[in-house]
Amino acid sequence: EGDLTLLGEKITLNGEVRGEAVAVADRLTIGKGAHITGDLTICAKNLERSDAARIDGQVREECNQSGRTSVSNVINSGWESWRSSALFRTGAVITGSLFFGALSALLTAILPRPLVRMSESIYRAPVVAGGVGMLTMLAATGLTVVYGISLLLILPLVLLPLVILAWLVIGALSVLGWVALVGPFGVALLRRAGLEGQPHMVAAAVGGVALSLLLRVWSIFWFTAWIGLLATALLGAIGLGAVLLTRAGTRPYPRRDAVPGR
């Protein structure tokens, strides 16, 4: 009596439904005893329907052409709904910020001098660093798009490992750039708090957590998410540019003898 919704891996519909029915399954069997007085909406990968089954309304097959498992779609939909909750996203923001703070402290302990050179480059030439980083990301994205189009033309896949490797390298350099950004930020925060003279690891951890929170907090609500994305893109470009200009911190940029007054 009334409308019916069925979800499962394997479903057999072999009874009377006085209303509309929705069936989402990997395998759906509509037996000869099935009688639905309203519409039937089907989202199934495999469908078996008896000729004796009676459907008084319309039969709509929503997912058959996609070739994807309908139950997986339902699970993904549920995950998206859960992820959209403010509480979940707030927890993700805090967890991600703490993780980035710990990572910043670790990399600062491993690569202290190169990160200092990158940070100095950001301080002395932020516009140049941002321009270089932005152009690098645009070039990498453009080349990836061109390569993706070439795959549609059934060209060889021999370059795929190189494309993946290139993006892994860019990702690693971007992480270094972010750590170079958070070091001075943490020093400034500790100075304002009257805690000057802390170890570089502590400053990096504080700066990493604080900067990550400032950028991620905008993502809690959908109508402010663009602010965090824009700020992340700009700061990420500056950090990546500083890494490239200093050759991963192996040399200063600009050179000290090229800075006025030096």
C-alpha atoms as a PDB file:
ATOM      1  CA  GLU A   1       0.000   0.000   0.000  1.00  0.00           C
ATOM      2  CA  GLY A   2       1.622   3.249  -1.112  1.00  0.00           C
ATOM      3  CA  ASP A   3       4.886   4.094  -2.864  1.00  0.00           C
ATOM      4  CA  LEU A   4       7.869   1.754  -2.608  1.00  0.00           C
ATOM      5  CA  THR A   5      11.640   2.225  -2.892  1.00  0.00           C
ATOM      6  CA  LEU A   6      13.949  -0.794  -3.115  1.00  0.00           C
ATOM      7  CA  LEU A   7      17.755  -0.659  -2.808  1.00  0.00           C
ATOM      8  CA  GLY A   8      20.057  -3.659  -3.005  1.00  0.00           C
ATOM      9  CA  GLU A   9      22.530  -5.738  -4.948  1.00  0.00           C
ATOM     10  CA  LYS A  10      19.954  -8.294  -6.123  1.00  0.00           C
ATOM     11  CA  ILE A  11      16.236  -7.521  -6.005  1.00  0.00           C
ATOM     12  CA  THR A  12      13.234  -9.597  -7.056  1.00  0.00           C
ATOM     13  CA  LEU A  13       9.972  -7.698  -7.436  1.00  0.00           C
ATOM     14  CA  ASN A  14       7.146 -10.228  -7.551  1.00  0.00           C
ATOM     15  CA  GLY A  15       4.219  -8.696  -5.693  1.00  0.00           C
ATOM     16  CA  GLU A  16       1.616  -5.945  -5.827  1.00  0.00           C
ATOM     17  CA  VAL A  17       2.443  -2.308  -5.217  1.00  0.00           C
ATOM     18  CA  ARG A  18      -0.497   0.067  -5.022  1.00  0.00           C
ATOM     19  CA  GLY A  19       1.455   3.188  -5.891  1.00  0.00           C
ATOM     20  CA  GLU A  20       4.710   4.099  -7.582  1.00  0.00           C
ATOM     21  CA  ALA A  21       7.890   2.040  -7.250  1.00  0.00           C
ATOM     22  CA  VAL A  22      11.597   2.819  -7.546  1.00  0.00           C
ATOM     23  CA  ALA A  23      14.128  -0.017  -7.774  1.00  0.00           C
ATOM     24  CA  VAL A  24      17.901   0.550  -7.589  1.00  0.00           C
ATOM     25  CA  ALA A  25      19.994  -2.591  -7.915  1.00  0.00           C
ATOM     26  CA  ASP A  26      22.857  -4.266  -9.711  1.00  0.00           C
ATOM     27  CA  ARG A  27      20.498  -7.064 -10.755  1.00  0.00           C
ATOM     28  CA  LEU A  28      16.714  -6.575 -10.867  1.00  0.00           C
ATOM     29  CA  THR A  29      14.173  -9.322 -11.585  1.00  0.00           C
ATOM     30  CA  ILE A  30      10.524  -8.428 -12.180  1.00  0.00           C
ATOM     31  CA  GLY A  31       8.558 -11.652 -11.807  1.00  0.00           C
ATOM     32  CA  LYS A  32       5.249 -12.702 -13.323  1.00  0.00           C
ATOM     33  CA  GLY A  33       3.424 -11.890 -10.096  1.00  0.00           C
ATOM     34  CA  ALA A  34       4.482  -8.238 -10.137  1.00  0.00           C
ATOM     35  CA  HIS A  35       1.689  -5.659 -10.373  1.00  0.00           C
ATOM     36  CA  ILE A  36       2.424  -1.956  -9.970  1.00  0.00           C
ATOM     37  CA  THR A  37      -0.494   0.435 -10.215  1.00  0.00           C
ATOM     38  CA  GLY A  38       1.701   3.511 -10.686  1.00  0.00           C
ATOM     39  CA  ASP A  39       4.941   4.313 -12.467  1.00  0.00           C
ATOM     40  CA  LEU A  40       8.050   2.140 -12.148  1.00  0.00           C
ATOM     41  CA  THR A  41      11.477   3.786 -12.157  1.00  0.00           C
ATOM     42  CA  ILE A  42      14.377   1.397 -12.690  1.00  0.00           C
ATOM     43  CA  CYS A  43      18.082   1.997 -12.075  1.00  0.00           C
ATOM     44  CA  ALA A  44      19.718  -1.369 -12.669  1.00  0.00           C
ATOM     45  CA  LYS A  45      22.748  -2.777 -14.431  1.00  0.00           C
ATOM     46  CA  ASN A  46      21.026  -6.065 -15.288  1.00  0.00           C
ATOM     47  CA  LEU A  47      17.259  -6.357 -15.749  1.00  0.00           C
ATOM     48  CA  GLU A  48      15.030  -9.408 -16.200  1.00  0.00           C
ATOM     49  CA  ARG A  49      11.312  -8.709 -16.713  1.00  0.00           C
ATOM     50  CA  SER A  50       8.574 -11.286 -17.114  1.00  0.00           C
ATOM     51  CA  ASP A  51       6.064 -10.721 -19.882  1.00  0.00           C
ATOM     52  CA  ALA A  52       3.305 -11.475 -17.373  1.00  0.00           C
ATOM     53  CA  ALA A  53       4.318  -8.590 -15.069  1.00  0.00           C
ATOM     54  CA  ARG A  54       1.746  -5.773 -15.028  1.00  0.00           C
ATOM     55  CA  ILE A  55       2.834  -2.135 -14.856  1.00  0.00           C
ATOM     56  CA  ASP A  56      -0.161   0.207 -15.078  1.00  0.00           C
ATOM     57  CA  GLY A  57       1.946   3.375 -15.270  1.00  0.00           C
ATOM     58  CA  GLN A  58       5.070   4.256 -17.186  1.00  0.00           C
ATOM     59  CA  VAL A  59       8.363   2.386 -16.950  1.00  0.00           C
ATOM     60  CA  ARG A  60      11.442   4.629 -16.843  1.00  0.00           C
ATOM     61  CA  GLU A  61      14.929   3.108 -17.053  1.00  0.00           C
ATOM     62  CA  GLU A  62      17.203   5.828 -15.680  1.00  0.00           C
ATOM     63  CA  CYS A  63      20.645   4.246 -15.376  1.00  0.00           C
ATOM     64  CA  ASN A  64      20.904   1.461 -17.928  1.00  0.00           C
ATOM     65  CA  GLN A  65      22.734   3.554 -20.499  1.00  0.00           C
ATOM     66  CA  SER A  66      25.434   4.701 -18.119  1.00  0.00           C
ATOM     67  CA  GLY A  67      27.016   1.266 -17.753  1.00  0.00           C
ATOM     68  CA  ARG A  68      27.789   2.012 -14.113  1.00  0.00           C
ATOM     69  CA  THR A  69      26.669   0.078 -11.076  1.00  0.00           C
ATOM     70  CA  SER A  70      23.584   1.785  -9.752  1.00  0.00           C
ATOM     71  CA  VAL A  71      24.166   0.792  -6.130  1.00  0.00           C
ATOM     72  CA  SER A  72      27.586   2.425  -6.315  1.00  0.00           C
ATOM     73  CA  ASN A  73      25.893   5.591  -7.517  1.00  0.00           C
ATOM     74  CA  VAL A  74      23.586   5.495  -4.528  1.00  0.00           C
ATOM     75  CA  ILE A  75      26.533   5.013  -2.157  1.00  0.00           C
ATOM     76  CA  ASN A  76      28.411   7.902  -3.763  1.00  0.00           C
ATOM     77  CA  SER A  77      25.337  10.074  -3.491  1.00  0.00           C
ATOM     78  CA  GLY A  78      25.043   9.271   0.192  1.00  0.00           C
ATOM     79  CA  TRP A  79      28.721  10.054   0.714  1.00  0.00           C
ATOM     80  CA  GLU A  80      28.341  13.431  -0.990  1.00  0.00           C
ATOM     81  CA  SER A  81      25.367  14.236   1.212  1.00  0.00           C
ATOM     82  CA  TRP A  82      27.299  13.290   4.373  1.00  0.00           C
ATOM     83  CA  ARG A  83      30.366  15.187   3.279  1.00  0.00           C
ATOM     84  CA  SER A  84      28.301  18.309   2.686  1.00  0.00           C
ATOM     85  CA  SER A  85      27.376  18.608   6.357  1.00  0.00           C
ATOM     86  CA  ALA A  86      29.022  21.553   8.135  1.00  0.00           C
ATOM     87  CA  LEU A  87      30.100  19.392  11.091  1.00  0.00           C
ATOM     88  CA  PHE A  88      31.946  16.918   8.894  1.00  0.00           C
ATOM     89  CA  ARG A  89      33.663  19.662   6.928  1.00  0.00           C
ATOM     90  CA  THR A  90      34.682  21.468  10.098  1.00  0.00           C
ATOM     91  CA  GLY A  91      36.326  18.300  11.359  1.00  0.00           C
ATOM     92  CA  ALA A  92      38.080  17.870   8.019  1.00  0.00           C
ATOM     93  CA  VAL A  93      39.384  21.453   8.198  1.00  0.00           C
ATOM     94  CA  ILE A  94      40.837  20.963  11.687  1.00  0.00           C
ATOM     95  CA  THR A  95      42.325  17.547  10.896  1.00  0.00           C
ATOM     96  CA  GLY A  96      43.871  18.733   7.643  1.00  0.00           C
ATOM     97  CA  SER A  97      45.360  21.809   9.307  1.00  0.00           C
ATOM     98  CA  LEU A  98      46.955  19.775  12.094  1.00  0.00           C
ATOM     99  CA  PHE A  99      48.389  17.338   9.553  1.00  0.00           C
ATOM    100  CA  PHE A 100      49.837  20.160   7.463  1.00  0.00           C
ATOM    101  CA  GLY A 101      51.373  21.736  10.563  1.00  0.00           C
ATOM    102  CA  ALA A 102      53.095  18.464  11.432  1.00  0.00           C
ATOM    103  CA  LEU A 103      54.302  18.038   7.847  1.00  0.00           C
ATOM    104  CA  SER A 104      55.667  21.586   7.824  1.00  0.00           C
ATOM    105  CA  ALA A 105      57.626  20.951  11.022  1.00  0.00           C
ATOM    106  CA  LEU A 106      59.045  17.701   9.637  1.00  0.00           C
ATOM    107  CA  LEU A 107      60.188  19.226   6.334  1.00  0.00           C
ATOM    108  CA  THR A 108      61.685  22.204   8.164  1.00  0.00           C
ATOM    109  CA  ALA A 109      63.768  19.828  10.262  1.00  0.00           C
ATOM    110  CA  ILE A 110      64.911  17.911   7.165  1.00  0.00           C
ATOM    111  CA  LEU A 111      65.519  20.859   4.801  1.00  0.00           C
ATOM    112  CA  PRO A 112      66.203  23.902   6.978  1.00  0.00           C
ATOM    113  CA  ARG A 113      68.543  25.883   4.712  1.00  0.00           C
ATOM    114  CA  PRO A 114      66.718  25.336   1.380  1.00  0.00           C
ATOM    115  CA  LEU A 115      63.437  26.412   2.972  1.00  0.00           C
ATOM    116  CA  VAL A 116      65.077  29.575   4.295  1.00  0.00           C
ATOM    117  CA  ARG A 117      66.208  30.443   0.759  1.00  0.00           C
ATOM    118  CA  MET A 118      62.691  29.837  -0.584  1.00  0.00           C
ATOM    119  CA  SER A 119      61.167  31.990   2.168  1.00  0.00           C
ATOM    120  CA  GLU A 120      63.626  34.802   1.428  1.00  0.00           C
ATOM    121  CA  SER A 121      62.719  34.593  -2.244  1.00  0.00           C
ATOM    122  CA  ILE A 122      59.025  34.979  -1.392  1.00  0.00           C
ATOM    123  CA  TYR A 123      59.810  37.998   0.788  1.00  0.00           C
ATOM    124  CA  ARG A 124      62.033  39.715  -1.774  1.00  0.00           C
ATOM    125  CA  ALA A 125      60.208  38.924  -5.025  1.00  0.00           C
ATOM    126  CA  PRO A 126      56.619  37.817  -4.346  1.00  0.00           C
ATOM    127  CA  VAL A 127      55.281  39.134  -7.665  1.00  0.00           C
ATOM    128  CA  VAL A 128      57.936  37.378  -9.722  1.00  0.00           C
ATOM    129  CA  ALA A 129      57.499  34.165  -7.753  1.00  0.00           C
ATOM    130  CA  GLY A 130      53.732  34.295  -8.179  1.00  0.00           C
ATOM    131  CA  GLY A 131      54.032  34.914 -11.910  1.00  0.00           C
ATOM    132  CA  VAL A 132      56.446  32.038 -12.418  1.00  0.00           C
ATOM    133  CA  GLY A 133      54.296  29.683 -10.355  1.00  0.00           C
ATOM    134  CA  MET A 134      51.090  30.646 -12.159  1.00  0.00           C
ATOM    135  CA  LEU A 135      52.671  30.264 -15.598  1.00  0.00           C
ATOM    136  CA  THR A 136      54.057  26.870 -14.599  1.00  0.00           C
ATOM    137  CA  MET A 137      50.645  25.601 -13.485  1.00  0.00           C
ATOM    138  CA  LEU A 138      48.940  26.975 -16.594  1.00  0.00           C
ATOM    139  CA  ALA A 139      51.540  25.369 -18.843  1.00  0.00           C
ATOM    140  CA  ALA A 140      51.284  22.026 -17.040  1.00  0.00           C
ATOM    141  CA  THR A 141      47.493  22.086 -17.188  1.00  0.00           C
ATOM    142  CA  GLY A 142      47.481  23.039 -20.862  1.00  0.00           C
ATOM    143  CA  LEU A 143      49.895  20.277 -21.802  1.00  0.00           C
ATOM    144  CA  THR A 144      47.846  17.773 -19.812  1.00  0.00           C
ATOM    145  CA  VAL A 145      44.681  18.825 -21.638  1.00  0.00           C
ATOM    146  CA  VAL A 146      46.443  18.459 -24.978  1.00  0.00           C
ATOM    147  CA  TYR A 147      47.647  15.019 -23.969  1.00  0.00           C
ATOM    148  CA  GLY A 148      44.138  14.055 -22.864  1.00  0.00           C
ATOM    149  CA  ILE A 149      42.776  15.086 -26.256  1.00  0.00           C
ATOM    150  CA  SER A 150      45.467  13.009 -27.935  1.00  0.00           C
ATOM    151  CA  LEU A 151      44.247   9.963 -26.022  1.00  0.00           C
ATOM    152  CA  LEU A 152      40.784  10.481 -27.497  1.00  0.00           C
ATOM    153  CA  LEU A 153      42.426  10.231 -30.897  1.00  0.00           C
ATOM    154  CA  ILE A 154      43.759   6.777 -29.895  1.00  0.00           C
ATOM    155  CA  LEU A 155      47.402   7.810 -29.834  1.00  0.00           C
ATOM    156  CA  PRO A 156      49.967   5.709 -27.909  1.00  0.00           C
ATOM    157  CA  LEU A 157      49.889   5.686 -24.115  1.00  0.00           C
ATOM    158  CA  VAL A 158      53.656   5.680 -23.850  1.00  0.00           C
ATOM    159  CA  LEU A 159      53.728   9.225 -22.447  1.00  0.00           C
ATOM    160  CA  LEU A 160      51.232   8.513 -19.647  1.00  0.00           C
ATOM    161  CA  PRO A 161      53.914   7.575 -17.058  1.00  0.00           C
ATOM    162  CA  LEU A 162      55.777  10.788 -17.886  1.00  0.00           C
ATOM    163  CA  VAL A 163      52.633  12.873 -17.413  1.00  0.00           C
ATOM    164  CA  ILE A 164      51.921  11.220 -14.063  1.00  0.00           C
ATOM    165  CA  LEU A 165      55.554  11.681 -12.970  1.00  0.00           C
ATOM    166  CA  ALA A 166      55.501  15.336 -13.982  1.00  0.00           C
ATOM    167  CA  TRP A 167      52.422  16.013 -11.876  1.00  0.00           C
ATOM    168  CA  LEU A 168      53.945  14.168  -8.927  1.00  0.00           C
ATOM    169  CA  VAL A 169      57.029  16.391  -9.185  1.00  0.00           C
ATOM    170  CA  ILE A 170      54.855  19.512  -9.380  1.00  0.00           C
ATOM    171  CA  GLY A 171      52.915  18.306  -6.350  1.00  0.00           C
ATOM    172  CA  ALA A 172      56.102  17.730  -4.342  1.00  0.00           C
ATOM    173  CA  LEU A 173      57.477  21.162  -5.301  1.00  0.00           C
ATOM    174  CA  SER A 174      54.155  22.756  -4.371  1.00  0.00           C
ATOM    175  CA  VAL A 175      54.348  21.215  -0.906  1.00  0.00           C
ATOM    176  CA  LEU A 176      57.828  22.698  -0.467  1.00  0.00           C
ATOM    177  CA  GLY A 177      56.488  26.056  -1.572  1.00  0.00           C
ATOM    178  CA  TRP A 178      53.719  25.935   1.013  1.00  0.00           C
ATOM    179  CA  VAL A 179      56.161  25.053   3.777  1.00  0.00           C
ATOM    180  CA  ALA A 180      58.345  27.984   2.682  1.00  0.00           C
ATOM    181  CA  LEU A 181      55.297  30.219   3.087  1.00  0.00           C
ATOM    182  CA  VAL A 182      54.284  29.026   6.535  1.00  0.00           C
ATOM    183  CA  GLY A 183      57.723  29.471   8.139  1.00  0.00           C
ATOM    184  CA  PRO A 184      57.739  33.301   8.125  1.00  0.00           C
ATOM    185  CA  PHE A 185      54.016  33.305   8.887  1.00  0.00           C
ATOM    186  CA  GLY A 186      54.608  31.258  12.024  1.00  0.00           C
ATOM    187  CA  VAL A 187      57.504  33.501  13.086  1.00  0.00           C
ATOM    188  CA  ALA A 188      55.261  36.566  12.743  1.00  0.00           C
ATOM    189  CA  LEU A 189      52.495  34.945  14.797  1.00  0.00           C
ATOM    190  CA  LEU A 190      54.894  33.918  17.555  1.00  0.00           C
ATOM    191  CA  ARG A 191      56.389  37.413  17.616  1.00  0.00           C
ATOM    192  CA  ARG A 192      52.961  38.972  18.072  1.00  0.00           C
ATOM    193  CA  ALA A 193      52.273  36.499  20.856  1.00  0.00           C
ATOM    194  CA  GLY A 194      55.511  37.501  22.605  1.00  0.00           C
ATOM    195  CA  LEU A 195      57.123  34.117  21.971  1.00  0.00           C
ATOM    196  CA  GLU A 196      60.123  35.115  19.885  1.00  0.00           C
ATOM    197  CA  GLY A 197      63.163  32.902  19.500  1.00  0.00           C
ATOM    198  CA  GLN A 198      61.285  29.623  19.077  1.00  0.00           C
ATOM    199  CA  PRO A 199      62.911  26.825  17.000  1.00  0.00           C
ATOM    200  CA  HIS A 200      62.195  26.817  13.270  1.00  0.00           C
ATOM    201  CA  MET A 201      60.215  23.590  13.631  1.00  0.00           C
ATOM    202  CA  VAL A 202      57.862  25.212  16.124  1.00  0.00           C
ATOM    203  CA  ALA A 203      57.392  28.277  13.927  1.00  0.00           C
ATOM    204  CA  ALA A 204      56.700  26.070  10.902  1.00  0.00           C
ATOM    205  CA  ALA A 205      54.158  23.980  12.831  1.00  0.00           C
ATOM    206  CA  VAL A 206      52.348  27.061  14.158  1.00  0.00           C
ATOM    207  CA  GLY A 207      52.392  28.752  10.760  1.00  0.00           C
ATOM    208  CA  GLY A 208      51.237  25.601   8.996  1.00  0.00           C
ATOM    209  CA  VAL A 209      48.253  25.089  11.278  1.00  0.00           C
ATOM    210  CA  ALA A 210      47.272  28.767  11.312  1.00  0.00           C
ATOM    211  CA  LEU A 211      47.601  29.385   7.570  1.00  0.00           C
ATOM    212  CA  SER A 212      45.824  26.150   6.708  1.00  0.00           C
ATOM    213  CA  LEU A 213      42.957  27.068   9.021  1.00  0.00           C
ATOM    214  CA  LEU A 214      42.689  30.540   7.493  1.00  0.00           C
ATOM    215  CA  LEU A 215      42.426  29.069   4.008  1.00  0.00           C
ATOM    216  CA  ARG A 216      40.306  26.018   4.768  1.00  0.00           C
ATOM    217  CA  VAL A 217      37.742  27.657   7.021  1.00  0.00           C
ATOM    218  CA  TRP A 218      36.106  29.261   3.977  1.00  0.00           C
ATOM    219  CA  SER A 219      35.206  25.814   2.623  1.00  0.00           C
ATOM    220  CA  ILE A 220      32.841  25.063   5.507  1.00  0.00           C
ATOM    221  CA  PHE A 221      30.066  26.947   3.729  1.00  0.00           C
ATOM    222  CA  TRP A 222      29.471  26.617   0.007  1.00  0.00           C
ATOM    223  CA  PHE A 223      28.905  30.333  -0.570  1.00  0.00           C
ATOM    224  CA  THR A 224      32.371  31.263   0.771  1.00  0.00           C
ATOM    225  CA  ALA A 225      34.348  28.354  -0.688  1.00  0.00           C
ATOM    226  CA  TRP A 226      35.522  30.488  -3.638  1.00  0.00           C
ATOM    227  CA  ILE A 227      37.437  32.794  -1.281  1.00  0.00           C
ATOM    228  CA  GLY A 228      39.564  29.942   0.029  1.00  0.00           C
ATOM    229  CA  LEU A 229      40.103  28.545  -3.464  1.00  0.00           C
ATOM    230  CA  LEU A 230      41.243  31.922  -4.803  1.00  0.00           C
ATOM    231  CA  ALA A 231      43.589  32.576  -1.886  1.00  0.00           C
ATOM    232  CA  THR A 232      44.975  29.035  -2.113  1.00  0.00           C
ATOM    233  CA  ALA A 233      45.654  29.430  -5.830  1.00  0.00           C
ATOM    234  CA  LEU A 234      47.453  32.755  -5.373  1.00  0.00           C
ATOM    235  CA  LEU A 235      49.571  31.677  -2.412  1.00  0.00           C
ATOM    236  CA  GLY A 236      50.259  28.288  -3.977  1.00  0.00           C
ATOM    237  CA  ALA A 237      51.530  29.985  -7.137  1.00  0.00           C
ATOM    238  CA  ILE A 238      53.851  32.207  -5.084  1.00  0.00           C
ATOM    239  CA  GLY A 239      55.220  29.225  -3.175  1.00  0.00           C
ATOM    240  CA  LEU A 240      55.740  27.145  -6.319  1.00  0.00           C
ATOM    241  CA  GLY A 241      57.429  30.072  -8.056  1.00  0.00           C
ATOM    242  CA  ALA A 242      59.816  30.515  -5.126  1.00  0.00           C
ATOM    243  CA  VAL A 243      60.778  26.844  -5.327  1.00  0.00           C
ATOM    244  CA  LEU A 244      61.495  27.124  -9.051  1.00  0.00           C
ATOM    245  CA  LEU A 245      63.381  30.420  -8.793  1.00  0.00           C
ATOM    246  CA  THR A 246      65.664  29.068  -6.061  1.00  0.00           C
ATOM    247  CA  ARG A 247      65.957  25.673  -7.776  1.00  0.00           C
ATOM    248  CA  ALA A 248      64.395  23.928  -4.787  1.00  0.00           C
ATOM    249  CA  GLY A 249      66.351  26.084  -2.359  1.00  0.00           C
ATOM    250  CA  THR A 250      69.808  25.290  -3.716  1.00  0.00           C
ATOM    251  CA  ARG A 251      70.543  28.970  -4.479  1.00  0.00           C
ATOM    252  CA  PRO A 252      69.068  32.303  -3.413  1.00  0.00           C
ATOM    253  CA  TYR A 253      66.823  34.463  -5.602  1.00  0.00           C
ATOM    254  CA  PRO A 254      67.486  37.230  -6.218  1.00  0.00           C
ATOM    255  CA  ARG A 255      71.159  36.938  -5.490  1.00  0.00           C
ATOM    256  CA  ARG A 256      72.290  38.966  -2.530  1.00  0.00           C
ATOM    257  CA  ASP A 257      74.677  41.001  -4.663  1.00  0.00           C
ATOM    258  CA  ALA A 258      71.713  41.905  -6.900  1.00  0.00           C
ATOM    259  CA  VAL A 259      69.626  43.353  -4.060  1.00  0.00           C
ATOM    260  CA  PRO A 260      69.967  47.169  -3.721  1.00  0.00           C
ATOM    261  CA  GLY A 261      71.951  48.161  -0.679  1.00  0.00           C
ATOM    262  CA  ARG A 262      73.671  44.772  -0.366  1.00  0.00           C
END
